[in-house]
N, C-alpha and C. Protein backbone atom coordinates (compact mmCIF):
# COMPACT_ATOMS: atom_id res chain seq x y z
N MET A 1 0.84 -1.20 0.00
CA MET A 1 0.00 0.00 0.00
C MET A 1 0.87 1.24 0.00
N ARG A 2 0.37 2.31 -0.60
CA ARG A 2 1.15 3.54 -0.69
C ARG A 2 0.43 4.71 0.00
N HIS A 3 -0.09 4.47 1.17
CA HIS A 3 -0.80 5.52 1.88
C HIS A 3 0.13 6.67 2.24
N GLY A 4 -0.25 7.88 1.88
CA GLY A 4 0.51 9.07 2.25
C GLY A 4 1.79 9.28 1.47
N LYS A 5 2.04 8.45 0.45
CA LYS A 5 3.25 8.61 -0.35
C LYS A 5 2.85 9.29 -1.67
N LYS A 6 3.10 10.57 -1.75
CA LYS A 6 2.62 11.35 -2.89
C LYS A 6 3.68 11.58 -3.95
N PHE A 7 4.87 11.10 -3.77
CA PHE A 7 5.96 11.35 -4.71
C PHE A 7 5.90 10.34 -5.83
N ASN A 8 5.88 10.79 -7.08
CA ASN A 8 5.86 9.90 -8.23
C ASN A 8 7.29 9.44 -8.53
N HIS A 9 7.52 8.16 -8.43
CA HIS A 9 8.86 7.63 -8.63
C HIS A 9 9.20 7.42 -10.10
N LEU A 10 8.21 7.53 -10.98
CA LEU A 10 8.41 7.45 -12.43
C LEU A 10 9.08 6.13 -12.87
N SER A 11 8.89 5.07 -12.10
CA SER A 11 9.46 3.74 -12.39
C SER A 11 10.97 3.79 -12.56
N ARG A 12 11.64 4.60 -11.74
CA ARG A 12 13.09 4.74 -11.81
C ARG A 12 13.67 4.71 -10.40
N GLN A 13 14.95 4.37 -10.33
CA GLN A 13 15.63 4.43 -9.05
C GLN A 13 15.98 5.88 -8.75
N THR A 14 16.35 6.13 -7.51
CA THR A 14 16.53 7.51 -7.04
C THR A 14 17.56 8.29 -7.85
N GLY A 15 18.72 7.72 -8.08
CA GLY A 15 19.77 8.44 -8.80
C GLY A 15 19.37 8.76 -10.22
N HIS A 16 18.75 7.80 -10.90
CA HIS A 16 18.31 8.03 -12.28
C HIS A 16 17.23 9.09 -12.33
N ARG A 17 16.30 9.05 -11.39
CA ARG A 17 15.20 10.01 -11.35
C ARG A 17 15.73 11.43 -11.10
N LYS A 18 16.64 11.58 -10.16
CA LYS A 18 17.19 12.91 -9.86
C LYS A 18 17.97 13.46 -11.05
N SER A 19 18.75 12.61 -11.70
CA SER A 19 19.51 13.06 -12.87
C SER A 19 18.58 13.44 -14.02
N MET A 20 17.55 12.65 -14.23
CA MET A 20 16.60 12.93 -15.30
C MET A 20 15.88 14.26 -15.05
N LEU A 21 15.42 14.49 -13.83
CA LEU A 21 14.73 15.74 -13.52
C LEU A 21 15.67 16.94 -13.62
N ALA A 22 16.92 16.75 -13.22
CA ALA A 22 17.89 17.84 -13.33
C ALA A 22 18.14 18.18 -14.80
N ASN A 23 18.29 17.17 -15.64
CA ASN A 23 18.50 17.41 -17.07
C ASN A 23 17.28 18.05 -17.71
N MET A 24 16.10 17.58 -17.35
CA MET A 24 14.88 18.16 -17.91
C MET A 24 14.71 19.61 -17.44
N ALA A 25 15.06 19.90 -16.19
CA ALA A 25 14.94 21.26 -15.68
C ALA A 25 15.92 22.19 -16.41
N CYS A 26 17.14 21.72 -16.68
CA CYS A 26 18.10 22.53 -17.42
C CYS A 26 17.62 22.79 -18.85
N SER A 27 17.03 21.77 -19.46
CA SER A 27 16.49 21.94 -20.81
C SER A 27 15.33 22.93 -20.81
N LEU A 28 14.48 22.85 -19.79
CA LEU A 28 13.36 23.77 -19.69
C LEU A 28 13.85 25.20 -19.50
N ILE A 29 14.85 25.39 -18.67
CA ILE A 29 15.39 26.73 -18.43
C ILE A 29 16.07 27.27 -19.69
N GLU A 30 16.76 26.40 -20.41
CA GLU A 30 17.47 26.84 -21.60
C GLU A 30 16.54 27.13 -22.77
N HIS A 31 15.59 26.21 -23.02
CA HIS A 31 14.73 26.33 -24.20
C HIS A 31 13.38 26.96 -23.90
N LYS A 32 13.03 27.13 -22.63
CA LYS A 32 11.79 27.74 -22.15
C LYS A 32 10.56 26.88 -22.41
N ARG A 33 10.70 25.74 -23.11
CA ARG A 33 9.56 24.88 -23.43
C ARG A 33 10.09 23.53 -23.88
N ILE A 34 9.55 22.45 -23.31
CA ILE A 34 9.96 21.11 -23.76
C ILE A 34 8.72 20.21 -23.85
N ASN A 35 8.83 19.17 -24.65
CA ASN A 35 7.79 18.16 -24.78
C ASN A 35 8.22 16.90 -24.05
N THR A 36 7.31 16.34 -23.27
CA THR A 36 7.59 15.13 -22.51
C THR A 36 6.26 14.46 -22.17
N THR A 37 6.31 13.39 -21.41
CA THR A 37 5.06 12.75 -21.00
C THR A 37 4.41 13.57 -19.89
N VAL A 38 3.12 13.34 -19.69
CA VAL A 38 2.38 14.10 -18.68
C VAL A 38 2.93 13.82 -17.28
N ALA A 39 3.25 12.57 -16.99
CA ALA A 39 3.76 12.22 -15.65
C ALA A 39 5.10 12.91 -15.37
N LYS A 40 5.99 12.91 -16.37
CA LYS A 40 7.28 13.57 -16.19
C LYS A 40 7.10 15.08 -16.09
N ALA A 41 6.16 15.63 -16.83
CA ALA A 41 5.91 17.07 -16.77
C ALA A 41 5.42 17.48 -15.39
N LYS A 42 4.54 16.68 -14.81
CA LYS A 42 4.04 17.00 -13.46
C LYS A 42 5.16 16.88 -12.43
N ALA A 43 6.01 15.87 -12.58
CA ALA A 43 7.13 15.72 -11.65
C ALA A 43 8.13 16.86 -11.83
N LEU A 44 8.35 17.28 -13.07
CA LEU A 44 9.27 18.37 -13.34
C LEU A 44 8.75 19.69 -12.78
N LYS A 45 7.44 19.89 -12.85
CA LYS A 45 6.85 21.11 -12.30
C LYS A 45 7.12 21.22 -10.80
N GLN A 46 6.95 20.11 -10.08
CA GLN A 46 7.23 20.12 -8.64
C GLN A 46 8.72 20.30 -8.36
N PHE A 47 9.55 19.88 -9.28
CA PHE A 47 11.00 19.96 -9.10
C PHE A 47 11.51 21.37 -9.37
N VAL A 48 11.01 22.02 -10.43
CA VAL A 48 11.63 23.26 -10.90
C VAL A 48 11.02 24.52 -10.27
N GLU A 49 9.78 24.48 -9.86
CA GLU A 49 9.17 25.71 -9.33
C GLU A 49 9.83 26.22 -8.05
N PRO A 50 10.21 25.37 -7.09
CA PRO A 50 10.94 25.90 -5.94
C PRO A 50 12.30 26.49 -6.32
N LEU A 51 12.93 25.94 -7.35
CA LEU A 51 14.21 26.48 -7.80
C LEU A 51 14.02 27.87 -8.41
N ILE A 52 12.95 28.06 -9.15
CA ILE A 52 12.68 29.39 -9.73
C ILE A 52 12.38 30.39 -8.63
N THR A 53 11.67 29.93 -7.59
CA THR A 53 11.41 30.82 -6.46
C THR A 53 12.71 31.24 -5.79
N LYS A 54 13.64 30.31 -5.64
CA LYS A 54 14.93 30.65 -5.04
C LYS A 54 15.72 31.61 -5.92
N SER A 55 15.54 31.53 -7.23
CA SER A 55 16.31 32.38 -8.14
C SER A 55 15.88 33.84 -8.08
N LYS A 56 14.72 34.12 -7.50
CA LYS A 56 14.26 35.50 -7.42
C LYS A 56 15.14 36.36 -6.52
N GLU A 57 15.80 35.71 -5.55
CA GLU A 57 16.74 36.43 -4.69
C GLU A 57 18.15 35.91 -5.01
N ASP A 58 18.93 36.74 -5.64
CA ASP A 58 20.25 36.32 -6.14
C ASP A 58 21.29 36.44 -5.04
N THR A 59 21.46 35.37 -4.27
CA THR A 59 22.50 35.31 -3.26
C THR A 59 23.39 34.11 -3.55
N THR A 60 24.57 34.12 -3.00
CA THR A 60 25.48 32.99 -3.18
C THR A 60 24.88 31.71 -2.61
N HIS A 61 24.22 31.82 -1.48
CA HIS A 61 23.61 30.65 -0.86
C HIS A 61 22.54 30.04 -1.77
N ASN A 62 21.67 30.88 -2.33
CA ASN A 62 20.63 30.37 -3.22
C ASN A 62 21.22 29.77 -4.49
N ARG A 63 22.28 30.38 -5.01
CA ARG A 63 22.92 29.81 -6.20
C ARG A 63 23.50 28.42 -5.89
N ARG A 64 24.06 28.25 -4.72
CA ARG A 64 24.63 26.95 -4.37
C ARG A 64 23.55 25.90 -4.16
N ILE A 65 22.43 26.30 -3.57
CA ILE A 65 21.32 25.37 -3.38
C ILE A 65 20.79 24.92 -4.74
N VAL A 66 20.58 25.88 -5.65
CA VAL A 66 20.05 25.55 -6.98
C VAL A 66 21.06 24.71 -7.75
N PHE A 67 22.34 25.01 -7.62
CA PHE A 67 23.36 24.22 -8.32
C PHE A 67 23.40 22.78 -7.82
N ALA A 68 23.11 22.58 -6.53
CA ALA A 68 23.07 21.22 -5.99
C ALA A 68 21.98 20.39 -6.66
N TYR A 69 20.89 21.04 -7.06
CA TYR A 69 19.81 20.33 -7.75
C TYR A 69 20.06 20.20 -9.25
N LEU A 70 20.47 21.29 -9.90
CA LEU A 70 20.60 21.29 -11.36
C LEU A 70 21.90 20.66 -11.85
N ARG A 71 22.99 20.88 -11.12
CA ARG A 71 24.31 20.35 -11.49
C ARG A 71 24.77 20.83 -12.86
N ASN A 72 24.43 22.05 -13.21
CA ASN A 72 24.81 22.62 -14.49
C ASN A 72 24.98 24.12 -14.30
N LYS A 73 26.20 24.61 -14.38
CA LYS A 73 26.44 26.02 -14.07
C LYS A 73 25.83 26.94 -15.12
N TYR A 74 25.71 26.47 -16.36
CA TYR A 74 25.08 27.31 -17.38
C TYR A 74 23.58 27.43 -17.14
N GLY A 75 22.97 26.35 -16.69
CA GLY A 75 21.56 26.39 -16.34
C GLY A 75 21.30 27.32 -15.16
N VAL A 76 22.18 27.28 -14.17
CA VAL A 76 22.04 28.15 -13.00
C VAL A 76 22.19 29.62 -13.41
N THR A 77 23.17 29.90 -14.27
CA THR A 77 23.39 31.27 -14.72
C THR A 77 22.18 31.79 -15.49
N GLU A 78 21.65 30.97 -16.38
CA GLU A 78 20.47 31.36 -17.17
C GLU A 78 19.27 31.59 -16.25
N LEU A 79 19.11 30.72 -15.25
CA LEU A 79 17.99 30.83 -14.33
C LEU A 79 18.06 32.12 -13.54
N PHE A 80 19.22 32.46 -13.02
CA PHE A 80 19.34 33.64 -12.17
C PHE A 80 19.37 34.94 -12.98
N ARG A 81 19.77 34.89 -14.24
CA ARG A 81 19.81 36.12 -15.05
C ARG A 81 18.50 36.38 -15.76
N GLU A 82 18.14 35.51 -16.70
CA GLU A 82 17.00 35.80 -17.57
C GLU A 82 15.67 35.41 -16.94
N VAL A 83 15.59 34.20 -16.41
CA VAL A 83 14.31 33.72 -15.91
C VAL A 83 13.89 34.51 -14.67
N ALA A 84 14.80 34.74 -13.76
CA ALA A 84 14.46 35.47 -12.53
C ALA A 84 14.04 36.90 -12.84
N ALA A 85 14.61 37.51 -13.86
CA ALA A 85 14.23 38.87 -14.22
C ALA A 85 12.78 38.93 -14.72
N LYS A 86 12.36 37.90 -15.45
CA LYS A 86 10.99 37.90 -15.98
C LYS A 86 9.96 37.53 -14.93
N VAL A 87 10.29 36.64 -14.01
CA VAL A 87 9.29 36.17 -13.04
C VAL A 87 9.40 36.88 -11.71
N GLY A 88 10.12 37.97 -11.64
CA GLY A 88 10.37 38.64 -10.37
C GLY A 88 9.13 39.07 -9.63
N ASP A 89 8.08 39.49 -10.34
CA ASP A 89 6.87 39.98 -9.67
C ASP A 89 5.78 38.92 -9.57
N ARG A 90 6.00 37.75 -10.12
CA ARG A 90 4.99 36.67 -10.09
C ARG A 90 5.10 35.92 -8.77
N PRO A 91 3.98 35.71 -8.06
CA PRO A 91 4.04 35.05 -6.76
C PRO A 91 4.18 33.53 -6.83
N GLY A 92 4.02 32.94 -7.98
CA GLY A 92 4.12 31.49 -8.13
C GLY A 92 3.52 31.08 -9.45
N GLY A 93 3.48 29.79 -9.72
CA GLY A 93 2.90 29.31 -10.96
C GLY A 93 3.74 29.69 -12.16
N TYR A 94 5.00 29.33 -12.14
CA TYR A 94 5.93 29.76 -13.18
C TYR A 94 5.86 28.89 -14.43
N THR A 95 5.26 27.70 -14.32
CA THR A 95 5.21 26.78 -15.46
C THR A 95 3.77 26.47 -15.83
N ARG A 96 3.59 26.03 -17.06
CA ARG A 96 2.28 25.67 -17.58
C ARG A 96 2.42 24.34 -18.29
N ILE A 97 1.49 23.41 -18.05
CA ILE A 97 1.49 22.12 -18.72
C ILE A 97 0.30 22.09 -19.67
N ILE A 98 0.59 21.83 -20.94
CA ILE A 98 -0.45 21.74 -21.97
C ILE A 98 -0.38 20.33 -22.56
N LYS A 99 -1.48 19.61 -22.48
CA LYS A 99 -1.51 18.26 -23.03
C LYS A 99 -1.63 18.34 -24.55
N VAL A 100 -0.81 17.54 -25.25
CA VAL A 100 -0.74 17.65 -26.71
C VAL A 100 -1.17 16.37 -27.42
N GLY A 101 -1.67 15.37 -26.72
CA GLY A 101 -2.13 14.16 -27.38
C GLY A 101 -1.31 12.96 -26.97
N ASN A 102 -1.34 11.93 -27.79
CA ASN A 102 -0.65 10.68 -27.48
C ASN A 102 0.52 10.47 -28.42
N ARG A 103 1.57 9.84 -27.91
CA ARG A 103 2.74 9.52 -28.70
C ARG A 103 2.43 8.36 -29.63
N LEU A 104 2.96 8.42 -30.84
CA LEU A 104 2.65 7.40 -31.84
C LEU A 104 3.18 6.02 -31.46
N GLY A 105 4.38 5.93 -30.94
CA GLY A 105 5.00 4.64 -30.69
C GLY A 105 4.30 3.81 -29.64
N ASP A 106 4.03 4.40 -28.46
CA ASP A 106 3.47 3.62 -27.36
C ASP A 106 2.18 4.21 -26.80
N ASN A 107 1.64 5.22 -27.47
CA ASN A 107 0.37 5.84 -27.08
C ASN A 107 0.43 6.49 -25.69
N ALA A 108 1.61 6.94 -25.29
CA ALA A 108 1.76 7.61 -24.00
C ALA A 108 1.19 9.03 -24.09
N ASP A 109 0.57 9.50 -23.00
CA ASP A 109 0.04 10.86 -22.96
C ASP A 109 1.20 11.84 -22.98
N MET A 110 1.21 12.74 -23.95
CA MET A 110 2.30 13.71 -24.08
C MET A 110 1.82 15.09 -23.64
N ALA A 111 2.76 15.88 -23.19
CA ALA A 111 2.46 17.24 -22.74
C ALA A 111 3.62 18.15 -23.09
N MET A 112 3.29 19.42 -23.19
CA MET A 112 4.31 20.44 -23.37
C MET A 112 4.35 21.25 -22.08
N ILE A 113 5.51 21.36 -21.47
CA ILE A 113 5.67 22.17 -20.27
C ILE A 113 6.50 23.37 -20.66
N GLU A 114 6.05 24.56 -20.23
CA GLU A 114 6.74 25.78 -20.62
C GLU A 114 6.75 26.77 -19.47
N LEU A 115 7.67 27.71 -19.55
CA LEU A 115 7.71 28.81 -18.59
C LEU A 115 6.67 29.83 -19.02
N VAL A 116 5.81 30.23 -18.10
CA VAL A 116 4.65 31.05 -18.43
C VAL A 116 5.04 32.40 -19.02
N ASP A 117 6.03 33.05 -18.46
CA ASP A 117 6.36 34.41 -18.87
C ASP A 117 7.09 34.48 -20.20
N PHE A 118 7.50 33.35 -20.75
CA PHE A 118 8.24 33.35 -22.00
C PHE A 118 7.37 32.96 -23.19
N ASN A 119 6.07 32.84 -23.01
CA ASN A 119 5.18 32.49 -24.11
C ASN A 119 4.65 33.77 -24.74
N GLU A 120 5.01 34.02 -26.01
CA GLU A 120 4.61 35.24 -26.68
C GLU A 120 3.16 35.19 -27.11
N ILE A 121 2.59 33.99 -27.32
CA ILE A 121 1.21 33.88 -27.79
C ILE A 121 0.24 34.31 -26.70
N TYR A 122 0.39 33.75 -25.49
CA TYR A 122 -0.53 34.07 -24.41
C TYR A 122 -0.23 35.43 -23.79
N ASN A 123 1.03 35.77 -23.61
CA ASN A 123 1.40 36.99 -22.91
C ASN A 123 1.82 38.10 -23.86
N GLY A 124 1.94 37.82 -25.14
CA GLY A 124 2.46 38.80 -26.09
C GLY A 124 1.64 40.06 -26.15
N GLY A 125 0.32 39.94 -26.20
CA GLY A 125 -0.53 41.13 -26.32
C GLY A 125 -0.38 42.06 -25.13
N LYS A 126 -0.31 41.49 -23.94
CA LYS A 126 -0.19 42.31 -22.74
C LYS A 126 1.13 43.06 -22.71
N LYS A 127 2.21 42.38 -23.06
CA LYS A 127 3.52 43.01 -23.03
C LYS A 127 3.62 44.09 -24.11
N GLU A 128 3.06 43.82 -25.29
CA GLU A 128 3.15 44.80 -26.37
C GLU A 128 2.36 46.06 -26.04
N GLU A 129 1.24 45.91 -25.32
CA GLU A 129 0.47 47.09 -24.96
C GLU A 129 1.29 48.02 -24.08
N LYS A 130 2.04 47.46 -23.16
CA LYS A 130 2.87 48.30 -22.30
C LYS A 130 3.92 49.03 -23.12
N LYS A 131 4.52 48.35 -24.09
CA LYS A 131 5.51 48.98 -24.93
C LYS A 131 4.86 50.04 -25.81
N ALA A 132 3.65 49.75 -26.29
CA ALA A 132 2.95 50.69 -27.17
C ALA A 132 2.66 52.00 -26.43
N LYS A 133 2.33 51.89 -25.14
CA LYS A 133 2.06 53.10 -24.38
C LYS A 133 3.29 53.98 -24.30
N SER A 134 4.45 53.37 -24.11
CA SER A 134 5.66 54.17 -24.01
C SER A 134 6.00 54.79 -25.37
N ARG A 135 5.69 54.06 -26.45
CA ARG A 135 5.94 54.63 -27.77
C ARG A 135 5.01 55.79 -28.04
N ARG A 136 3.76 55.65 -27.62
CA ARG A 136 2.83 56.76 -27.83
C ARG A 136 3.29 57.99 -27.06
N GLY A 137 3.82 57.74 -25.87
CA GLY A 137 4.34 58.86 -25.09
C GLY A 137 5.49 59.54 -25.81
N GLY A 138 6.31 58.74 -26.50
CA GLY A 138 7.42 59.30 -27.27
C GLY A 138 6.92 60.12 -28.44
N LYS A 139 5.85 59.65 -29.09
CA LYS A 139 5.29 60.39 -30.21
C LYS A 139 4.68 61.70 -29.73
N ALA A 140 4.05 61.67 -28.57
CA ALA A 140 3.47 62.89 -28.02
C ALA A 140 4.56 63.91 -27.73
N LYS A 141 5.70 63.41 -27.25
CA LYS A 141 6.80 64.33 -26.98
C LYS A 141 7.32 64.92 -28.28
N LYS A 142 7.33 64.12 -29.34
CA LYS A 142 7.77 64.65 -30.63
C LYS A 142 6.81 65.72 -31.12
N SER A 143 5.51 65.49 -30.94
CA SER A 143 4.55 66.50 -31.38
C SER A 143 4.68 67.76 -30.52
N GLU A 144 5.01 67.60 -29.26
CA GLU A 144 5.24 68.77 -28.40
C GLU A 144 6.46 69.55 -28.86
N THR A 145 7.51 68.82 -29.28
CA THR A 145 8.70 69.52 -29.74
C THR A 145 8.43 70.23 -31.05
N GLU A 146 7.51 69.68 -31.88
CA GLU A 146 7.15 70.37 -33.11
C GLU A 146 6.41 71.66 -32.79
N THR A 147 5.57 71.63 -31.76
CA THR A 147 4.84 72.84 -31.38
C THR A 147 5.69 73.76 -30.52
N ALA A 148 6.80 73.25 -30.01
CA ALA A 148 7.64 74.04 -29.12
C ALA A 148 8.21 75.28 -29.80
N PRO A 149 8.67 75.22 -31.06
CA PRO A 149 9.15 76.46 -31.67
C PRO A 149 8.08 77.54 -31.74
N ALA A 150 6.84 77.15 -31.95
CA ALA A 150 5.76 78.14 -31.99
C ALA A 150 5.56 78.74 -30.61
N THR A 151 5.67 77.97 -29.58
CA THR A 151 5.51 78.51 -28.23
C THR A 151 6.72 79.32 -27.82
N GLU A 152 7.88 78.98 -28.37
CA GLU A 152 9.06 79.76 -28.03
C GLU A 152 8.94 81.18 -28.56
N THR A 153 8.36 81.32 -29.74
CA THR A 153 8.19 82.67 -30.28
C THR A 153 7.19 83.46 -29.47
N SER A 154 6.16 82.76 -28.95
CA SER A 154 5.19 83.47 -28.13
C SER A 154 5.68 83.64 -26.70
N ALA A 155 6.63 82.85 -26.28
CA ALA A 155 7.13 82.93 -24.92
C ALA A 155 7.82 84.27 -24.63
N PRO A 156 8.66 84.79 -25.52
CA PRO A 156 9.24 86.09 -25.21
C PRO A 156 8.18 87.19 -25.15
N GLU A 157 7.14 87.07 -25.97
CA GLU A 157 6.07 88.07 -25.90
C GLU A 157 5.37 87.98 -24.56
N ALA A 158 5.12 86.75 -24.11
CA ALA A 158 4.46 86.57 -22.83
C ALA A 158 5.34 87.10 -21.71
N SER A 159 6.62 86.85 -21.79
CA SER A 159 7.50 87.31 -20.73
C SER A 159 7.59 88.84 -20.75
N ALA A 160 7.51 89.43 -21.95
CA ALA A 160 7.53 90.89 -22.04
C ALA A 160 6.26 91.45 -21.43
N GLU A 161 5.11 90.78 -21.66
CA GLU A 161 3.87 91.24 -21.09
C GLU A 161 3.90 91.11 -19.58
N GLU A 162 4.48 90.02 -19.08
CA GLU A 162 4.56 89.84 -17.65
C GLU A 162 5.45 90.88 -17.00
N THR A 163 6.53 91.25 -17.68
CA THR A 163 7.41 92.27 -17.12
C THR A 163 6.73 93.62 -17.08
N THR A 164 5.88 93.92 -18.08
CA THR A 164 5.17 95.21 -18.07
C THR A 164 4.10 95.20 -16.98
N GLU A 165 3.50 94.01 -16.73
CA GLU A 165 2.49 93.96 -15.68
C GLU A 165 3.14 94.08 -14.31
N THR A 166 4.32 93.49 -14.16
CA THR A 166 4.99 93.58 -12.87
C THR A 166 5.54 95.00 -12.65
N ALA A 167 5.84 95.66 -13.75
CA ALA A 167 6.35 97.02 -13.61
C ALA A 167 5.26 97.98 -13.14
N GLU A 168 4.02 97.70 -13.51
CA GLU A 168 2.92 98.58 -13.12
C GLU A 168 2.62 98.37 -11.69
């Protein structure tokens, strides 16, 4: 009986399972999206989300803890630089699992696991709107600068009028 045992062993021994999850996590961090079976994707989600949470605070201690799990210095560097910068304000839920059907060879349930903030399809519109607002602000400033020469010519007149009013 397996009462209270919630960890999926994935039909592997401990060393093989840890190495497999570490390699899958490095691939996910590097490519931002990987295809795997649903069971492995769920196990990977539980494995990688605490590591992403640790990467939000860039300290030597957190880097060493994450390196102990990932065992890949390039994966750790990518996680603390690019991924942590994107997920800094997110309170959790850094990954998304999308089921994509069955594998042809053995009919296994397949899934795509991806980092949520790196998907341009779902998040692209929101991010572009923020950029568009800043561009519109830049265009408004350009239109102000075009009108600025006209106001500059009226500005000396206004200042002359103000000086005559203050003189009275």
